[in-house]
Protein backbone atom coordinates (compact mmCIF):
# COMPACT_ATOMS: atom_id res chain seq x y z
CA MET A 1 111.58 83.52 82.32
CA GLU A 2 112.31 86.89 84.01
CA LEU A 3 108.96 88.29 83.10
CA ARG A 4 107.26 85.14 84.44
CA ASP A 5 109.22 85.40 87.71
CA ASP A 6 108.47 89.09 88.14
CA TYR A 7 104.86 88.52 87.27
CA LEU A 8 104.39 85.76 89.95
CA ARG A 9 106.21 87.90 92.49
CA ALA A 10 103.86 90.80 91.73
CA LEU A 11 100.80 88.50 91.98
CA ARG A 12 101.97 87.23 95.40
CA CYS A 13 102.43 90.87 96.52
CA MET A 14 98.89 91.60 95.33
CA ILE A 15 97.53 88.58 97.33
CA LEU A 16 99.41 89.66 100.47
CA SER A 17 98.32 93.30 100.07
CA ARG A 18 94.65 92.29 99.68
CA THR A 19 94.83 89.98 102.67
CA LEU A 20 96.57 92.62 104.79
CA GLU A 21 94.13 95.38 103.83
CA GLU A 22 91.10 93.15 104.53
CA LYS A 23 92.54 92.64 108.03
CA LEU A 24 93.13 96.37 108.46
CA GLY A 25 89.61 97.13 107.26
CA SER A 26 88.14 94.68 109.80
CA LEU A 27 90.20 96.13 112.63
CA TYR A 28 89.08 99.61 111.66
CA ARG A 29 85.43 98.59 111.71
CA ALA A 30 85.89 96.88 115.08
CA GLY A 31 86.40 100.32 116.55
CA GLY A 32 89.44 101.54 118.52
CA ARG A 33 91.96 99.14 117.03
CA ILE A 34 93.32 101.36 114.24
CA VAL A 35 94.96 104.68 114.91
CA GLY A 36 93.78 107.06 112.13
CA GLY A 37 91.85 106.28 108.96
CA VAL A 38 92.06 103.34 106.61
CA TYR A 39 92.34 103.75 102.83
CA LEU A 40 92.43 100.61 100.82
CA GLY A 41 93.84 99.83 97.42
CA ARG A 42 91.34 97.18 96.31
CA GLY A 43 91.23 97.32 92.49
CA GLN A 44 94.54 99.09 92.18
CA GLU A 45 96.92 96.35 93.30
CA ALA A 46 98.00 95.24 89.78
CA PHE A 47 98.97 98.76 88.75
CA SER A 48 100.80 99.34 92.05
CA ALA A 49 102.64 96.05 92.30
CA ALA A 50 103.79 96.27 88.73
CA ALA A 51 105.59 99.43 89.53
CA GLY A 52 106.98 98.23 92.82
CA VAL A 53 108.67 95.15 91.47
CA ASN A 54 110.94 97.38 89.36
CA LEU A 55 112.36 99.15 92.48
CA ARG A 56 115.21 98.06 94.73
CA TRP A 57 114.88 98.48 98.50
CA GLY A 58 117.57 100.85 99.88
CA LYS A 59 118.88 101.78 96.36
CA ASP A 60 115.93 103.42 94.50
CA VAL A 61 113.75 106.23 95.74
CA TYR A 62 109.99 105.45 96.25
CA GLY A 63 107.22 107.82 97.28
CA PRO A 64 104.04 105.71 97.43
CA LEU A 65 100.44 107.04 97.82
CA ILE A 66 97.56 105.80 100.00
CA ARG A 67 96.50 102.95 97.71
CA ASP A 68 100.00 101.60 97.11
CA GLN A 69 100.11 98.81 99.69
CA ALA A 70 100.86 96.29 96.96
CA GLY A 71 103.65 98.52 95.60
CA ARG A 72 105.09 98.98 99.07
CA ILE A 73 105.29 95.24 99.59
CA ALA A 74 106.85 94.68 96.18
CA TYR A 75 109.41 97.41 96.96
CA GLY A 76 110.36 95.56 100.17
CA GLU A 77 108.46 97.07 103.10
CA PRO A 78 107.85 94.33 105.71
CA ILE A 79 104.13 93.93 106.52
CA LEU A 80 105.12 93.98 110.17
CA ASP A 81 106.12 97.65 109.79
CA THR A 82 102.77 98.29 108.24
CA MET A 83 100.86 96.56 111.06
CA ARG A 84 103.01 98.33 113.72
CA THR A 85 102.27 101.72 112.22
CA TYR A 86 98.49 101.09 111.90
CA LEU A 87 98.29 99.89 115.48
CA GLY A 88 100.42 102.83 116.70
CA ALA A 89 103.22 100.73 118.09
CA VAL A 90 106.41 102.53 119.17
CA THR A 91 108.41 99.80 117.49
CA GLY A 92 107.22 100.86 113.95
CA PRO A 93 109.29 102.96 111.54
CA MET A 94 107.37 106.14 112.61
CA ARG A 95 107.63 105.23 116.30
CA GLY A 96 103.90 105.75 116.74
CA ARG A 97 104.33 109.47 116.04
CA ASP A 98 102.69 109.82 112.67
CA GLY A 99 99.66 108.75 110.68
CA ASN A 100 99.55 105.18 109.42
CA ILE A 101 99.75 106.05 105.75
CA HIS A 102 102.59 108.53 106.37
CA ARG A 103 105.13 105.86 107.04
CA GLY A 104 108.57 105.66 105.47
CA GLN A 105 112.30 105.49 105.95
CA PRO A 106 113.82 108.50 104.18
CA GLN A 107 117.37 107.45 104.97
CA LYS A 108 116.70 104.33 102.79
CA GLY A 109 115.02 106.32 100.01
CA TYR A 110 111.55 105.28 101.24
CA MET A 111 109.62 108.62 101.40
CA ALA A 112 106.74 109.04 103.72
CA MET A 113 103.54 110.00 101.98
CA ILE A 114 102.38 113.63 102.04
CA SER A 115 98.63 114.24 102.24
CA HIS A 116 98.94 117.33 100.08
CA LEU A 117 98.62 115.50 96.81
CA GLY A 118 101.20 116.16 94.13
CA SER A 119 103.90 117.08 96.63
CA LEU A 120 105.65 113.67 96.44
CA VAL A 121 106.62 114.34 92.87
CA SER A 122 108.95 117.13 93.97
CA VAL A 123 110.15 115.20 97.00
CA VAL A 124 111.27 112.19 94.91
CA ALA A 125 112.63 114.44 92.19
CA GLY A 126 114.53 116.39 94.82
CA ALA A 127 116.04 113.21 96.32
CA LEU A 128 117.20 112.15 92.85
CA PHE A 129 118.67 115.57 92.10
CA ALA A 130 120.47 115.56 95.46
CA ARG A 131 122.06 112.23 94.62
CA ARG A 132 123.18 113.57 91.28
CA LEU A 133 124.83 116.57 93.01
CA GLN A 134 126.49 114.18 95.40
CA GLY A 135 127.79 112.05 92.52
CA ARG A 136 125.96 108.96 93.72
CA LEU A 137 122.98 108.79 91.37
CA GLY A 138 124.38 105.84 89.36
CA ASP A 139 121.58 103.71 87.93
CA CYS A 140 119.21 104.83 90.65
CA VAL A 141 115.58 105.52 89.61
CA GLY A 142 112.75 107.17 91.52
CA ALA A 143 109.04 106.43 91.44
CA THR A 144 105.96 107.94 92.87
CA SER A 145 102.15 107.81 92.22
CA ILE A 146 99.20 110.08 92.04
CA GLY A 147 95.53 109.87 91.30
CA ASP A 148 93.61 111.52 88.46
CA GLY A 149 92.57 114.31 90.72
CA GLY A 150 96.01 114.97 92.07
CA THR A 151 97.30 115.72 88.60
CA SER A 152 95.29 118.91 88.72
CA THR A 153 97.34 120.35 91.54
CA GLY A 154 100.01 122.97 91.20
CA ALA A 155 102.49 120.81 93.09
CA PHE A 156 102.16 118.06 90.48
CA HIS A 157 102.86 120.55 87.68
CA GLU A 158 105.88 122.20 89.36
CA GLY A 159 107.41 118.90 90.35
CA LEU A 160 107.05 117.14 86.99
CA ASN A 161 108.19 120.23 85.15
CA MET A 162 111.33 120.41 87.25
CA ALA A 163 111.99 116.68 86.80
CA ALA A 164 111.58 117.00 83.05
CA VAL A 165 113.85 120.00 82.75
CA GLU A 166 116.55 118.14 84.75
CA LYS A 167 115.92 114.84 82.90
CA LEU A 168 115.63 113.00 86.14
CA PRO A 169 115.13 109.19 86.11
CA LEU A 170 111.63 109.43 87.58
CA VAL A 171 108.56 107.22 86.85
CA VAL A 172 105.19 108.76 87.79
CA SER A 173 102.28 106.36 88.05
CA VAL A 174 98.89 107.99 87.53
CA ALA A 175 96.06 105.77 88.74
CA ASN A 176 93.07 107.04 86.84
CA ASN A 177 90.48 105.44 89.18
CA GLN A 178 87.59 107.55 87.82
CA PHE A 179 86.98 109.62 90.98
CA ALA A 180 88.96 112.22 92.93
CA TYR A 181 87.29 111.25 96.16
CA SER A 182 83.69 111.79 94.85
CA THR A 183 84.53 114.05 91.92
CA PRO A 184 84.28 112.19 88.53
CA THR A 185 86.97 112.61 85.91
CA SER A 186 84.54 114.63 83.69
CA ARG A 187 84.97 117.45 86.23
CA GLN A 188 88.69 117.00 86.54
CA TYR A 189 90.20 117.37 83.12
CA ALA A 190 89.07 118.21 79.51
CA CYS A 191 91.73 116.26 77.58
CA GLU A 192 90.65 112.96 76.05
CA ASN A 193 93.17 110.97 78.18
CA LEU A 194 95.43 111.98 81.06
CA VAL A 195 98.47 110.50 79.13
CA ASP A 196 97.93 113.33 76.62
CA ARG A 197 99.40 115.65 79.31
CA ALA A 198 102.83 113.97 79.22
CA VAL A 199 103.88 115.65 75.95
CA GLY A 200 103.30 119.04 77.46
CA TYR A 201 105.98 118.39 79.94
CA GLY A 202 108.34 116.79 77.36
CA VAL A 203 108.14 113.40 79.05
CA LYS A 204 107.28 109.97 77.65
CA GLY A 205 103.74 108.92 78.37
CA PHE A 206 102.13 105.47 78.40
CA GLY A 207 98.52 104.37 78.81
CA VAL A 208 97.66 100.91 80.18
CA ASP A 209 94.74 98.82 81.33
CA GLY A 210 95.25 98.96 85.10
CA THR A 211 93.20 95.80 85.66
CA ASP A 212 95.53 93.72 83.56
CA LEU A 213 98.70 92.77 85.48
CA LEU A 214 100.59 91.43 82.49
CA ALA A 215 100.04 94.63 80.52
CA CYS A 216 101.09 96.69 83.53
CA MET A 217 104.24 94.64 84.02
CA GLN A 218 105.24 95.15 80.37
CA VAL A 219 104.57 98.86 80.30
CA PHE A 220 106.24 99.59 83.56
CA ARG A 221 109.32 97.54 82.53
CA THR A 222 109.65 99.78 79.50
CA ALA A 223 109.17 102.97 81.52
CA PHE A 224 111.79 101.97 84.16
CA ASP A 225 114.22 100.87 81.56
CA ASN A 226 113.82 104.24 79.75
CA ALA A 227 114.34 106.17 83.00
CA ARG A 228 117.47 104.18 83.96
CA ALA A 229 118.81 104.69 80.39
CA GLY A 230 118.84 108.48 80.84
CA GLN A 231 115.65 109.26 78.91
CA GLY A 232 114.16 111.39 81.67
CA PRO A 233 110.82 111.13 83.40
CA GLN A 234 108.21 108.65 82.28
CA MET A 235 104.49 108.90 83.03
CA VAL A 236 102.32 105.79 83.15
CA VAL A 237 98.56 106.26 83.29
CA GLY A 238 96.51 103.21 84.38
CA ARG A 239 92.76 103.15 83.74
CA LEU A 240 90.89 101.34 86.46
CA LEU A 241 88.19 101.71 89.07
CA ARG A 242 88.64 102.12 92.86
CA LEU A 243 86.66 99.18 94.20
CA GLY A 244 85.44 100.84 97.30
CA GLY A 245 85.09 104.20 98.94
CA HIS A 246 87.74 106.89 99.27
CA GLY A 247 88.32 105.37 102.68
CA GLU A 248 86.62 102.88 104.95
CA HIS A 249 84.49 105.78 106.28
CA ASP A 250 83.00 106.37 102.75
CA ASP A 251 80.32 104.23 101.26
CA ALA A 252 81.07 105.31 97.59
CA SER A 253 77.32 105.92 97.06
CA TYR A 254 78.27 108.45 94.36
CA VAL A 255 79.62 105.64 92.04
CA PRO A 256 76.98 104.75 89.45
CA GLU A 257 76.16 101.03 89.36
CA VAL A 258 76.83 100.94 85.66
CA LYS A 259 80.35 102.13 86.20
CA LYS A 260 81.05 98.99 88.33
CA SER A 261 80.12 96.66 85.51
CA GLU A 262 82.43 98.34 82.89
CA HIS A 263 85.80 96.94 82.01
CA GLU A 264 87.55 99.22 84.47
CA GLY A 265 85.47 97.73 87.32
CA ARG A 266 87.09 94.28 87.02
CA ASP A 267 88.83 93.04 90.09
CA CYS A 268 92.52 93.01 89.04
CA LEU A 269 93.35 90.24 91.54
CA PHE A 270 90.76 87.87 90.09
CA VAL A 271 91.98 88.79 86.59
CA ALA A 272 95.66 88.22 87.42
CA GLN A 273 94.99 84.85 89.12
CA GLN A 274 93.08 83.60 86.05
CA GLN A 275 95.75 85.06 83.75
CA ALA A 276 98.49 83.15 85.63
CA MET A 277 96.61 79.91 85.23
CA ASP A 278 95.82 80.58 81.49
CA LEU A 279 99.57 81.29 80.84
CA GLY A 280 100.54 78.03 82.62
CA TRP A 281 102.57 80.05 85.17
CA ALA A 282 100.60 78.88 88.24
CA THR A 283 97.99 76.26 89.21
CA ALA A 284 94.87 76.89 91.19
CA GLY A 285 96.41 74.86 94.06
CA GLU A 286 99.54 77.05 94.14
CA ILE A 287 97.40 80.19 94.20
CA GLU A 288 95.36 78.82 97.10
CA ASP A 289 98.62 78.07 98.90
CA TRP A 290 99.73 81.65 98.47
CA HIS A 291 96.46 82.88 99.93
CA LYS A 292 97.00 80.59 102.94
CA ASP A 293 100.55 81.82 103.38
CA ALA A 294 99.34 85.44 103.24
CA ARG A 295 96.78 84.86 105.96
CA ARG A 296 99.37 83.23 108.20
CA GLU A 297 101.83 86.07 107.57
CA VAL A 298 99.22 88.75 108.35
CA ASP A 299 97.95 86.98 111.47
CA LYS A 300 101.46 86.66 112.71
CA ALA A 301 102.22 90.33 112.15
CA GLN A 302 98.99 91.40 113.85
CA ALA A 303 99.75 89.14 116.89
CA GLN A 304 103.22 90.53 117.30
CA ALA A 305 102.31 94.25 116.79
CA SER A 306 99.34 93.87 119.14
CA LYS A 307 101.68 92.98 122.00
CA GLU A 308 104.10 95.88 121.43
CA PRO A 309 103.81 99.20 123.36
CA THR A 310 102.42 102.44 122.09
CA PRO A 311 104.22 105.76 122.86
CA ASP A 312 104.16 106.81 126.53
CA PRO A 313 103.32 110.51 126.56
CA TYR A 314 105.01 110.98 129.93
CA ARG A 315 108.29 109.42 128.81
CA GLU A 316 108.57 110.15 125.05
CA ASN A 317 110.67 112.98 123.76
CA TRP A 318 108.25 114.80 121.45
CA HIS A 319 110.78 117.27 120.00
CA ALA A 320 110.42 117.92 116.26
CA LEU A 321 112.40 115.64 113.97
CA SER A 322 114.43 118.62 112.90
CA THR A 323 116.26 118.74 116.22
CA PRO A 324 119.69 117.20 116.15
CA GLU A 325 118.74 114.35 118.58
CA LEU A 326 116.04 113.04 116.24
CA VAL A 327 117.40 113.58 112.77
CA GLU A 328 117.00 110.41 110.78
CA GLY A 329 119.80 107.93 111.56
CA MET A 330 121.51 109.99 114.24
CA ASN A 331 119.80 108.30 117.20
CA GLU A 332 120.07 104.77 115.93
């Protein structure tokens, strides 16, 4: 029953994520409505949500990447915060001061994404290590994600190596979406599979079909259980395809048509919906209702965020966040 409940929660998070991101894409294409770029997770929602449902808001540490909207929702981020940040509202968690994908609430363990890929591994590992030194690690676990290209960075190596040496409860999701922007995996690594790298760090590695929500749920549950049980970092590599460009500004013309028809090119949302019906866990009517609920929720969030103010450059205090007045939590 627990797996079924978690599965359906992940599926609903996928539906909400897809609905929200379709709205964000349309606002971006409308011109002038979105502050910054838009990077969508279409095709990666199952892999992301399956990780997110294993995390507890305010207790665990999470450092998501640009295509982890489904994971963010599963973790507990309100979509109103997402919409506020994309529309640059001062009411959002970043107060309209940072890029839309760099949102977070570090005081709650929700780390803002860093564009320098690989760096979040050390940030999340550092947060876990700090909690250990403070004697409040408990059953806390940390998670972050990276793409296939990002695993080639020095920051990824240093962060994962440190986490492995300290046996930190860290789960690293590697979304092998076949392209690092436009660079194919054949130009990124020479090993047969990215999961082969795990043994070199002394961490447990898992490979999974990233288009199969049930498989992702089962693998991530094992990985998180291992991490919480003191078995050190876990690395989960999901094989899938990014179903779109690197961002909404990119037409993905470099992706061969044959690649889109391969197994990894399946739309994980369609697969998950059919899987839920085949398992008898949901009906077509229930799934349609979830889509309707998602559209209502997204429209409501957009309507509210659209009415809220953006930062006033003549009245805002633009001091760096390192100043005492703006340190997280001190001005609340």
